[in-house]
Each structure stands twice: as structure tokens, then as C-alpha cells.
Amino acid sequence: WVFIFSKSLQGLGYDFWAEKTLKTPDFNVLETGAMAPRVIMSCYKGKYADELIANAAYIGSPGKGILAADESTGTIGKRLASINVENVETNRRALRELLFTAPGVLQYLSGVILFEETLYQKTAAGKPFVDVLKEGGVLPGIKVDKGTVELAGTNGETTTQGLDGLAQRCQQYYKAGARFAKWRAVLNIGANEPSQLAINENANGLARYAIICQENGLVPIVEPEILVDGSHDINKCADVTERVLAVVYKALNDHHVLLEGTLLKPNMVTPGSSSPKVAPEVIAEHTVRALQRTMPPAVPAVVFLSGGQSEEEATLNLNAMNKLKTKKPWTLSFSFGRALQQSTLKAWAGKDENIKKAQDALLTRCKANSEATLGTYQGGGALSEGASESLHVDNYKY
């Protein structure tokens, strides 16, 4: 905090105030001739500041990334239904145990995003998932938003809910072992979308979420997802991505968020789902340029969402970005859900005898994406079933 305070003010007890305030490590005081005291806060400097910076940097370690396993009960139900498995707690727990205990996988991960149910679940042997992850050198994270609702005054655009009670929930999640959080805002590209209202509303929601998380010890992953739905070209996506990220970072600064203790989870800049595909090198150029124009170098890492790309497509695009010879002051990594789990899910099919096969498929994808964060991925060779399958779903709900 920075205070601008007028020593000439009458009746405010300056000496007493200064004595007490100057002993507070989170405040800086500037004496001026201002007519009234005014507070200027550059960014969060509370008791968790050093921890937030360290954890954000750790999650962004080159060669590692995030497994997004935070699907809501409804969404994971759709995944299970695709392999004819019933959506009950025991099956959801079994799938997540398969993911978190796969031999060799955790060396390629720095974080795993959990759904609230999963944060408190245990392995079949009774070991909390949080402990499994921590012992493997992986930080547990938690999805904290409550989904999207329609934003009044727009043409079907949305805003994200979940700010009510967020501070209390963050405190509980921190005690349970979580060290970072995720909040997904959703925007779409149309003839007149995204509207400025939707951009502003979602940016402010992300910023409010971020500072609340930091005040309670959780690194906020800021996720302004621009859906790939549509027939627009890559230039339109680049334009919208730059507009959105510029507003998001303005909001984060307005809310005094400690940027060094955050991560960005954006979409890659691609053509719309109904448009012809372009080469990974073209996606890399447009995506990195959008970040260069909008994203402060204070942020340690970008952890891309896959946005319905196939497993192999997402990996190739990430690899192309890291091979690009240009200014990149942040680590470029991954926070993939479907693009890490699809071939694993198909290999498992809900059967115990397929667990090793499924875990091998997960290891293959995690290793591939680890290499992609370093720009050393050589391509798929013999791909597992499902690895080249498009995972796009219109108007995707998480």
C-alpha cells in the first residue's frame, strides 16, 4: 500500500497515525501537501505475497504443465457416458485415481486442477488425492467459479458467477491443501460479439476473483476463454483476443492484483471451428504476438487451454510457439483437460484390466506436452486411439 498524507491536516493526529502505520510492513507512506489523505495501492503485498510468487513460478516451470481434472459432475458424466460408464461417485473417483497415480506422469506436471468433490477424495487405499499429488511434487488447485449465466442487456453473452462466499471457500480450500485456483470467463465471437459490456463485466469478475484468491493464499489462474465456435478467420480471433486481454490486465491492475502471483490461461489464437485450419506455425505467430501486445512480463507463465483441439493438435501448436524465435518473457505451457484425457478415457473404458493401458496413454500425452513446452516435440508417430480426434463441442460448458 502507498498512502499520500498531508502533514498539515488538522485534527487527524498525524504523529500517532504515522507511528502506527509506518510499523505496518504492507504500507508505504508519502508525505505531500494534498488536502486529504488518499490511498494508492500498487498491488497486493500481504502475508501470502512471497508464497504466491513462488508457487506461480513453480507451476510455470519449463518442462511441466497442468492437468485440468476439474470437470463438474455434469461434465464428467458426459465423458463417462461416452465409454458407457455410469456417473456415480465411485466411478468418478476411480477415473481420477487412475490419472493421479499413473506411473511416471507426475514428473511432467506442476499442478492439477481439482473439482471440489475431488479435493476431498481418497484413493481406494485411503490416501487423500492431495497427498498423492504433493508427494509427487505437484501443487493441487481448485475450480472456484460456479458456472456461467446470461448477461442481461446482451445478445446471449454470459458472465461467470461464484463471487459470493468466495473468500470463505478459498480459506477452506487452502486448509485442505489447495495452492492455486481457476475461474473461467467465457466470451464468443459473432457479428457484434463480444460486446464491450461482456468484455468489461468478465474482466472485472476475473479481477475480483483474483484479488480475493490472493488475499487467501491461492494463486489465481485467470482464464478469459474466447470460444472457437464460428466461421471467423485467425485475424478476427487475434483482434478479439488482444482486445480482451488488454481489458483483463487493466482490470487486474485496477484491483491491485499481484501479477507475479498469477497465471494466464487463454485460448490459442486459431480460426473458427467452421473455418479451414492453418499450420501450427501460423497459430504460434498470431498467439505469441497477441500476448506480446497485451500481457505484462511480470506474469511468470501462460498455461494454454486446448479449446476442443485434438490431443495431437494442441501439442503441435504449443510446440510451435516454443520454437518461435521472438520475445517471450513468460513460460508457455499447458493446462489441458480433454487434450490430456481423451485417449486415456478411451483406453480405460471403465474396466480395471485396462488401467495400465490407460495410464500408458496418459504418460504419452504428458511427456509429449512436456517436450512441447521446451519446443522439442518431434510429432506423434503411432498415436493412441482418440489422440487425433477433434474434441470441439459448440458452446462448451465446463
Protein backbone atom coordinates (compact mmCIF):
# COMPACT_ATOMS: atom_id res chain seq x y z
CA TRP A 1 0.00 0.00 0.00
CA VAL A 2 1.08 3.58 -0.57
CA PHE A 3 -0.53 6.40 1.43
CA ILE A 4 -0.40 10.02 0.35
CA PHE A 5 -0.95 12.05 3.52
CA SER A 6 -0.89 15.77 4.24
CA LYS A 7 1.07 16.64 7.37
CA SER A 8 -0.69 19.97 7.52
CA LEU A 9 -4.13 18.44 8.03
CA GLN A 10 -5.69 19.50 11.30
CA GLY A 11 -7.21 17.15 13.85
CA LEU A 12 -6.10 13.88 12.26
CA GLY A 13 -3.38 13.02 14.74
CA TYR A 14 -0.64 12.69 12.17
CA ASP A 15 2.14 11.73 14.59
CA PHE A 16 0.07 8.96 16.15
CA TRP A 17 -1.13 7.76 12.74
CA ALA A 18 2.36 7.77 11.23
CA GLU A 19 3.87 5.95 14.19
CA LYS A 20 1.34 3.14 13.92
CA THR A 21 1.18 2.93 10.14
CA LEU A 22 4.90 3.08 9.46
CA LYS A 23 5.28 -0.05 11.57
CA THR A 24 2.96 -1.92 9.22
CA PRO A 25 5.10 -3.70 6.58
CA ASP A 26 2.37 -3.69 3.92
CA PHE A 27 2.20 0.12 3.71
CA ASN A 28 4.38 2.85 2.24
CA VAL A 29 3.72 6.47 3.19
CA LEU A 30 4.37 9.52 1.03
CA GLU A 31 4.00 12.93 2.67
CA THR A 32 2.63 15.60 0.34
CA GLY A 33 0.69 18.80 0.53
CA ALA A 34 -2.53 17.09 -0.53
CA MET A 35 -5.71 18.41 1.06
CA ALA A 36 -6.93 14.95 2.08
CA PRO A 37 -5.43 11.53 2.75
CA ARG A 38 -5.57 9.25 -0.28
CA VAL A 39 -4.73 5.56 -0.62
CA ILE A 40 -2.81 4.28 -3.63
CA MET A 41 -2.29 0.52 -3.73
CA SER A 42 0.09 -0.67 -6.42
CA CYS A 43 -0.54 -4.37 -5.78
CA TYR A 44 -1.20 -6.94 -3.07
CA LYS A 45 1.65 -7.13 -0.57
CA GLY A 46 0.02 -9.15 2.22
CA LYS A 47 1.28 -12.14 4.17
CA TYR A 48 0.93 -14.55 1.24
CA ALA A 49 2.81 -12.43 -1.33
CA ASP A 50 6.09 -14.37 -1.31
CA GLU A 51 4.28 -17.70 -1.30
CA LEU A 52 2.09 -16.66 -4.23
CA ILE A 53 5.09 -15.58 -6.28
CA ALA A 54 6.97 -18.80 -5.53
CA ASN A 55 4.00 -21.05 -6.32
CA ALA A 56 3.16 -19.25 -9.57
CA ALA A 57 6.78 -19.54 -10.70
CA TYR A 58 6.84 -23.22 -9.76
CA ILE A 59 3.68 -24.00 -11.72
CA GLY A 60 5.26 -22.26 -14.70
CA SER A 61 8.45 -24.35 -14.57
CA PRO A 62 9.66 -25.18 -18.11
CA GLY A 63 9.00 -28.81 -18.96
CA LYS A 64 5.93 -29.02 -16.76
CA GLY A 65 2.27 -28.09 -17.04
CA ILE A 66 -1.19 -28.53 -15.55
CA LEU A 67 -3.67 -31.39 -15.80
CA ALA A 68 -7.16 -29.89 -15.67
CA ALA A 69 -9.24 -32.53 -13.86
CA ASP A 70 -11.84 -30.10 -12.54
CA GLU A 71 -14.81 -31.11 -14.67
CA SER A 72 -18.13 -30.56 -12.94
CA THR A 73 -20.24 -33.58 -12.05
CA GLY A 74 -22.38 -32.99 -15.13
CA THR A 75 -19.43 -32.62 -17.50
CA ILE A 76 -17.57 -35.67 -16.26
CA GLY A 77 -20.86 -37.53 -16.59
CA LYS A 78 -20.79 -36.83 -20.34
CA ARG A 79 -17.21 -38.13 -20.54
CA LEU A 80 -18.14 -41.30 -18.67
CA ALA A 81 -21.25 -41.77 -20.80
CA SER A 82 -19.05 -41.75 -23.91
CA ILE A 83 -17.47 -45.00 -22.67
CA ASN A 84 -20.74 -46.40 -21.23
CA VAL A 85 -19.76 -45.85 -17.59
CA GLU A 86 -22.32 -44.68 -15.02
CA ASN A 87 -21.83 -41.22 -13.49
CA VAL A 88 -21.58 -42.14 -9.82
CA GLU A 89 -19.06 -41.06 -7.17
CA THR A 90 -17.17 -44.36 -7.19
CA ASN A 91 -16.57 -44.20 -10.95
CA ARG A 92 -15.58 -40.52 -10.84
CA ARG A 93 -13.13 -41.33 -8.06
CA ALA A 94 -11.77 -44.34 -9.96
CA LEU A 95 -11.05 -42.23 -13.05
CA ARG A 96 -9.26 -39.58 -11.06
CA GLU A 97 -7.23 -42.16 -9.16
CA LEU A 98 -6.19 -43.64 -12.50
CA LEU A 99 -4.98 -40.19 -13.60
CA PHE A 100 -3.19 -39.14 -10.40
CA THR A 101 -1.42 -42.45 -9.73
CA ALA A 102 -0.24 -43.19 -13.28
CA PRO A 103 3.45 -44.18 -13.02
CA GLY A 104 5.80 -41.51 -14.33
CA VAL A 105 3.11 -38.93 -15.06
CA LEU A 106 3.60 -36.50 -12.19
CA GLN A 107 7.18 -35.69 -13.24
CA TYR A 108 5.69 -33.82 -16.20
CA LEU A 109 3.13 -31.89 -14.14
CA SER A 110 3.46 -28.94 -11.78
CA GLY A 111 -0.24 -28.62 -10.96
CA VAL A 112 -3.56 -30.45 -11.12
CA ILE A 113 -6.86 -28.56 -11.03
CA LEU A 114 -9.48 -30.38 -8.97
CA PHE A 115 -13.24 -30.14 -8.66
CA GLU A 116 -14.42 -29.57 -5.07
CA GLU A 117 -15.52 -33.21 -4.74
CA THR A 118 -12.07 -34.42 -5.80
CA LEU A 119 -10.21 -32.17 -3.36
CA TYR A 120 -11.56 -34.28 -0.51
CA GLN A 121 -11.46 -37.72 -2.18
CA LYS A 122 -9.01 -40.53 -1.44
CA THR A 123 -7.51 -43.46 -3.30
CA ALA A 124 -9.00 -46.92 -2.86
CA ALA A 125 -6.27 -47.50 -0.27
CA GLY A 126 -7.40 -44.46 1.73
CA LYS A 127 -4.72 -41.92 0.78
CA PRO A 128 -6.01 -38.38 0.07
CA PHE A 129 -5.52 -37.31 -3.53
CA VAL A 130 -3.98 -34.06 -2.25
CA ASP A 131 -1.22 -36.07 -0.55
CA VAL A 132 -0.63 -38.19 -3.67
CA LEU A 133 -0.09 -35.03 -5.69
CA LYS A 134 2.08 -33.23 -3.15
CA GLU A 135 4.35 -36.25 -2.72
CA GLY A 136 4.78 -36.27 -6.49
CA GLY A 137 5.86 -32.61 -6.48
CA VAL A 138 2.55 -31.38 -7.89
CA LEU A 139 0.53 -28.49 -6.45
CA PRO A 140 -3.20 -29.11 -6.04
CA GLY A 141 -5.53 -26.46 -7.45
CA ILE A 142 -9.27 -25.93 -7.27
CA LYS A 143 -12.01 -24.70 -9.61
CA VAL A 144 -13.85 -21.95 -7.71
CA ASP A 145 -16.35 -20.49 -10.18
CA LYS A 146 -19.99 -21.58 -10.24
CA GLY A 147 -20.51 -21.59 -14.00
CA THR A 148 -21.91 -19.01 -16.38
CA VAL A 149 -25.25 -17.22 -16.52
CA GLU A 150 -26.69 -14.98 -19.22
CA LEU A 151 -25.62 -11.35 -19.01
CA ALA A 152 -28.67 -9.10 -19.21
CA GLY A 153 -28.51 -6.46 -21.91
CA THR A 154 -26.54 -8.63 -24.33
CA ASN A 155 -27.34 -10.99 -27.18
CA GLY A 156 -26.97 -14.18 -25.16
CA GLU A 157 -23.50 -13.40 -23.81
CA THR A 158 -22.56 -14.64 -20.35
CA THR A 159 -20.91 -13.72 -17.10
CA THR A 160 -19.46 -16.07 -14.51
CA GLN A 161 -20.96 -16.49 -11.06
CA GLY A 162 -19.32 -17.55 -7.80
CA LEU A 163 -18.04 -14.39 -6.09
CA ASP A 164 -20.50 -14.72 -3.19
CA GLY A 165 -18.74 -16.51 -0.35
CA LEU A 166 -15.55 -16.89 -2.40
CA ALA A 167 -13.22 -15.67 0.36
CA GLN A 168 -14.58 -18.21 2.83
CA ARG A 169 -14.33 -21.02 0.28
CA CYS A 170 -10.75 -20.06 -0.56
CA GLN A 171 -9.85 -20.24 3.12
CA GLN A 172 -11.32 -23.75 3.33
CA TYR A 173 -9.57 -24.88 0.15
CA TYR A 174 -6.23 -23.54 1.38
CA LYS A 175 -6.62 -25.51 4.62
CA ALA A 176 -7.44 -28.61 2.56
CA GLY A 177 -4.15 -28.24 0.66
CA ALA A 178 -5.03 -26.26 -2.47
CA ARG A 179 -2.47 -23.67 -3.53
CA PHE A 180 -3.98 -22.24 -6.70
CA ALA A 181 -7.42 -21.65 -8.17
CA LYS A 182 -9.16 -21.38 -11.53
CA TRP A 183 -12.05 -19.19 -12.71
CA ARG A 184 -13.34 -19.46 -16.28
CA ALA A 185 -14.88 -16.49 -18.08
CA VAL A 186 -16.42 -17.22 -21.48
CA LEU A 187 -16.68 -14.92 -24.50
CA ASN A 188 -17.74 -15.68 -28.05
CA ILE A 189 -17.04 -14.21 -31.46
CA GLY A 190 -20.02 -13.12 -33.56
CA ALA A 191 -21.10 -10.30 -35.83
CA ASN A 192 -21.25 -7.92 -32.86
CA GLU A 193 -19.66 -10.06 -30.18
CA PRO A 194 -18.00 -9.89 -27.83
CA SER A 195 -19.69 -6.68 -26.75
CA GLN A 196 -17.76 -4.16 -24.71
CA LEU A 197 -20.21 -4.79 -21.88
CA ALA A 198 -19.42 -8.50 -21.85
CA ILE A 199 -15.67 -7.87 -22.03
CA ASN A 200 -15.76 -5.37 -19.17
CA GLU A 201 -18.05 -7.49 -17.00
CA ASN A 202 -15.99 -10.64 -17.40
CA ALA A 203 -12.69 -8.81 -16.92
CA ASN A 204 -13.90 -7.26 -13.68
CA GLY A 205 -15.19 -10.62 -12.48
CA LEU A 206 -11.80 -12.19 -13.15
CA ALA A 207 -10.04 -9.36 -11.33
CA ARG A 208 -12.31 -9.55 -8.27
CA TYR A 209 -11.80 -13.31 -8.13
CA ALA A 210 -8.03 -12.90 -8.48
CA ILE A 211 -7.54 -10.47 -5.61
CA ILE A 212 -9.84 -12.48 -3.32
CA CYS A 213 -7.78 -15.59 -4.06
CA GLN A 214 -4.51 -13.81 -3.34
CA GLU A 215 -5.79 -12.44 -0.06
CA ASN A 216 -6.45 -16.05 0.96
CA GLY A 217 -3.24 -17.67 -0.26
CA LEU A 218 -4.29 -19.10 -3.63
CA VAL A 219 -2.55 -18.28 -6.93
CA PRO A 220 -5.35 -17.26 -9.32
CA ILE A 221 -5.36 -18.70 -12.82
CA VAL A 222 -7.05 -16.04 -14.94
CA GLU A 223 -9.00 -17.73 -17.75
CA PRO A 224 -10.73 -15.48 -20.30
CA GLU A 225 -11.72 -18.13 -22.85
CA ILE A 226 -12.79 -16.94 -26.28
CA LEU A 227 -14.74 -19.83 -27.75
CA VAL A 228 -13.58 -21.22 -31.10
CA ASP A 229 -17.19 -21.52 -32.33
CA GLY A 230 -17.81 -19.73 -35.63
CA SER A 231 -16.58 -19.18 -39.17
CA HIS A 232 -14.21 -16.26 -38.44
CA ASP A 233 -10.61 -16.28 -39.63
CA ILE A 234 -7.49 -16.22 -37.48
CA ASN A 235 -7.09 -12.44 -37.80
CA LYS A 236 -10.51 -11.88 -36.25
CA CYS A 237 -9.61 -14.19 -33.36
CA ALA A 238 -6.33 -12.32 -32.88
CA ASP A 239 -8.11 -8.97 -32.79
CA VAL A 240 -10.66 -10.15 -30.22
CA THR A 241 -8.01 -11.88 -28.10
CA GLU A 242 -5.92 -8.71 -27.96
CA ARG A 243 -8.94 -6.56 -27.06
CA VAL A 244 -10.00 -8.94 -24.30
CA LEU A 245 -6.54 -9.40 -22.77
CA ALA A 246 -5.93 -5.64 -22.74
CA VAL A 247 -9.11 -5.09 -20.73
CA VAL A 248 -8.38 -8.04 -18.44
CA TYR A 249 -4.96 -6.71 -17.47
CA LYS A 250 -6.34 -3.21 -16.96
CA ALA A 251 -8.89 -4.72 -14.56
CA LEU A 252 -6.25 -6.77 -12.74
CA ASN A 253 -4.21 -3.63 -12.19
CA ASP A 254 -7.28 -1.65 -11.12
CA HIS A 255 -7.97 -4.32 -8.49
CA HIS A 256 -4.33 -4.27 -7.32
CA VAL A 257 -3.64 -7.89 -8.21
CA LEU A 258 -0.04 -9.04 -7.71
CA LEU A 259 0.76 -10.08 -11.29
CA GLU A 260 3.84 -12.08 -10.29
CA GLY A 261 1.49 -14.28 -8.26
CA THR A 262 -0.91 -15.06 -11.13
CA LEU A 263 -1.05 -17.22 -14.25
CA LEU A 264 -2.94 -16.65 -17.51
CA LYS A 265 -4.98 -19.44 -19.13
CA PRO A 266 -6.01 -18.11 -22.56
CA ASN A 267 -7.23 -19.66 -25.77
CA MET A 268 -4.76 -20.14 -28.57
CA VAL A 269 -5.38 -17.79 -31.50
CA THR A 270 -6.95 -20.01 -34.17
CA PRO A 271 -9.52 -19.76 -36.96
CA GLY A 272 -13.13 -20.50 -36.03
CA SER A 273 -14.29 -24.10 -35.82
CA SER A 274 -16.11 -23.81 -39.17
CA SER A 275 -13.13 -22.26 -40.99
CA PRO A 276 -10.25 -24.03 -42.74
CA LYS A 277 -7.38 -24.98 -40.44
CA VAL A 278 -3.99 -23.30 -40.59
CA ALA A 279 -0.49 -24.57 -39.81
CA PRO A 280 0.81 -24.68 -36.22
CA GLU A 281 3.44 -22.09 -37.15
CA VAL A 282 0.70 -19.62 -38.14
CA ILE A 283 -1.18 -20.21 -34.89
CA ALA A 284 2.07 -19.76 -32.97
CA GLU A 285 2.86 -16.45 -34.65
CA HIS A 286 -0.60 -14.95 -34.06
CA THR A 287 -0.87 -16.24 -30.49
CA VAL A 288 2.53 -15.06 -29.30
CA ARG A 289 2.05 -11.67 -30.96
CA ALA A 290 -1.29 -11.21 -29.17
CA LEU A 291 0.45 -11.92 -25.86
CA GLN A 292 3.36 -9.59 -26.65
CA ARG A 293 0.92 -6.75 -27.27
CA THR A 294 -1.12 -7.20 -24.10
CA MET A 295 0.48 -9.34 -21.41
CA PRO A 296 2.89 -7.88 -18.83
CA PRO A 297 6.23 -9.67 -18.44
CA ALA A 298 5.61 -9.69 -14.67
CA VAL A 299 3.33 -12.71 -15.17
CA PRO A 300 5.52 -15.83 -14.97
CA ALA A 301 3.64 -18.20 -17.27
CA VAL A 302 0.88 -18.77 -19.80
CA VAL A 303 -0.90 -22.11 -19.42
CA PHE A 304 -3.00 -22.54 -22.56
CA LEU A 305 -6.40 -24.19 -22.67
CA SER A 306 -6.92 -26.65 -25.51
CA GLY A 307 -10.36 -25.35 -26.53
CA GLY A 308 -11.60 -28.53 -28.19
CA GLN A 309 -8.48 -29.18 -30.27
CA SER A 310 -7.42 -32.79 -30.60
CA GLU A 311 -4.69 -34.00 -28.26
CA GLU A 312 -2.07 -34.01 -31.00
CA GLU A 313 -3.17 -30.67 -32.49
CA ALA A 314 -2.91 -28.88 -29.13
CA THR A 315 0.57 -30.33 -28.55
CA LEU A 316 1.84 -29.38 -32.01
CA ASN A 317 0.56 -25.81 -31.63
CA LEU A 318 2.20 -25.42 -28.21
CA ASN A 319 5.44 -26.83 -29.58
CA ALA A 320 5.39 -24.35 -32.48
CA MET A 321 5.03 -21.43 -30.05
CA ASN A 322 8.04 -22.54 -28.06
CA LYS A 323 10.12 -22.99 -31.21
CA LEU A 324 9.29 -19.45 -32.33
CA LYS A 325 12.34 -17.16 -32.20
CA THR A 326 10.94 -13.97 -30.70
CA LYS A 327 10.47 -12.18 -27.38
CA LYS A 328 8.70 -14.44 -24.88
CA PRO A 329 9.25 -13.24 -21.30
CA TRP A 330 6.88 -15.88 -19.90
CA THR A 331 6.91 -19.67 -19.93
CA LEU A 332 4.44 -21.03 -22.49
CA SER A 333 2.88 -24.19 -21.10
CA PHE A 334 -0.39 -26.13 -20.93
CA SER A 335 -3.45 -26.55 -18.75
CA PHE A 336 -5.24 -29.25 -20.70
CA GLY A 337 -8.28 -31.28 -19.73
CA ARG A 338 -9.75 -33.05 -22.74
CA ALA A 339 -6.45 -32.80 -24.63
CA LEU A 340 -4.70 -34.88 -21.94
CA GLN A 341 -7.50 -37.29 -21.09
CA GLN A 342 -9.25 -38.34 -24.31
CA SER A 343 -7.02 -41.24 -25.34
CA THR A 344 -6.73 -42.27 -21.68
CA LEU A 345 -10.51 -42.39 -21.33
CA LYS A 346 -10.90 -44.48 -24.48
CA ALA A 347 -8.20 -46.91 -23.40
CA TRP A 348 -9.73 -47.35 -19.94
CA ALA A 349 -13.38 -47.84 -20.95
CA GLY A 350 -14.24 -48.26 -17.28
CA LYS A 351 -12.51 -51.65 -16.97
CA ASP A 352 -9.90 -52.49 -14.33
CA GLU A 353 -7.96 -54.68 -16.76
CA ASN A 354 -7.38 -51.60 -18.94
CA ILE A 355 -5.90 -49.36 -16.23
CA LYS A 356 -2.27 -49.90 -17.26
CA LYS A 357 -3.07 -49.27 -20.92
CA ALA A 358 -4.93 -46.09 -19.99
CA GLN A 359 -2.12 -44.86 -17.76
CA ASP A 360 0.41 -45.51 -20.52
CA ALA A 361 -1.71 -43.35 -22.85
CA LEU A 362 -1.74 -40.55 -20.27
CA LEU A 363 2.03 -40.81 -19.81
CA THR A 364 2.49 -40.50 -23.57
CA ARG A 365 0.45 -37.28 -23.72
CA CYS A 366 2.04 -35.72 -20.63
CA LYS A 367 5.55 -36.44 -21.94
CA ALA A 368 4.62 -35.03 -25.36
CA ASN A 369 3.33 -31.79 -23.85
CA SER A 370 6.34 -31.51 -21.56
CA GLU A 371 8.53 -31.63 -24.67
CA ALA A 372 6.25 -29.09 -26.36
CA THR A 373 6.89 -26.59 -23.54
CA LEU A 374 10.56 -26.83 -24.50
CA GLY A 375 9.96 -26.77 -28.25
CA THR A 376 11.45 -30.25 -28.67
CA TYR A 377 8.37 -32.35 -29.54
CA GLN A 378 9.02 -34.36 -32.70
CA GLY A 379 5.47 -35.39 -33.56
CA GLY A 380 3.19 -38.24 -32.79
CA GLY A 381 4.45 -41.32 -34.56
CA ALA A 382 1.93 -44.04 -33.70
CA LEU A 383 -0.84 -42.13 -31.91
CA SER A 384 -3.16 -43.68 -29.34
CA GLU A 385 -6.83 -44.04 -30.24
CA GLY A 386 -8.50 -40.67 -29.81
CA ALA A 387 -5.31 -38.58 -29.94
CA SER A 388 -6.11 -37.09 -33.34
CA GLU A 389 -9.85 -36.80 -32.74
CA SER A 390 -11.37 -33.30 -32.61
CA LEU A 391 -12.80 -32.57 -29.17
CA HIS A 392 -14.75 -29.49 -30.18
CA VAL A 393 -18.20 -29.01 -28.64
CA ASP A 394 -20.26 -25.95 -29.58
CA ASN A 395 -20.82 -23.50 -26.68
CA TYR A 396 -18.78 -25.75 -24.39
CA LYS A 397 -19.84 -25.84 -20.74
CA TYR A 398 -17.22 -26.99 -18.25
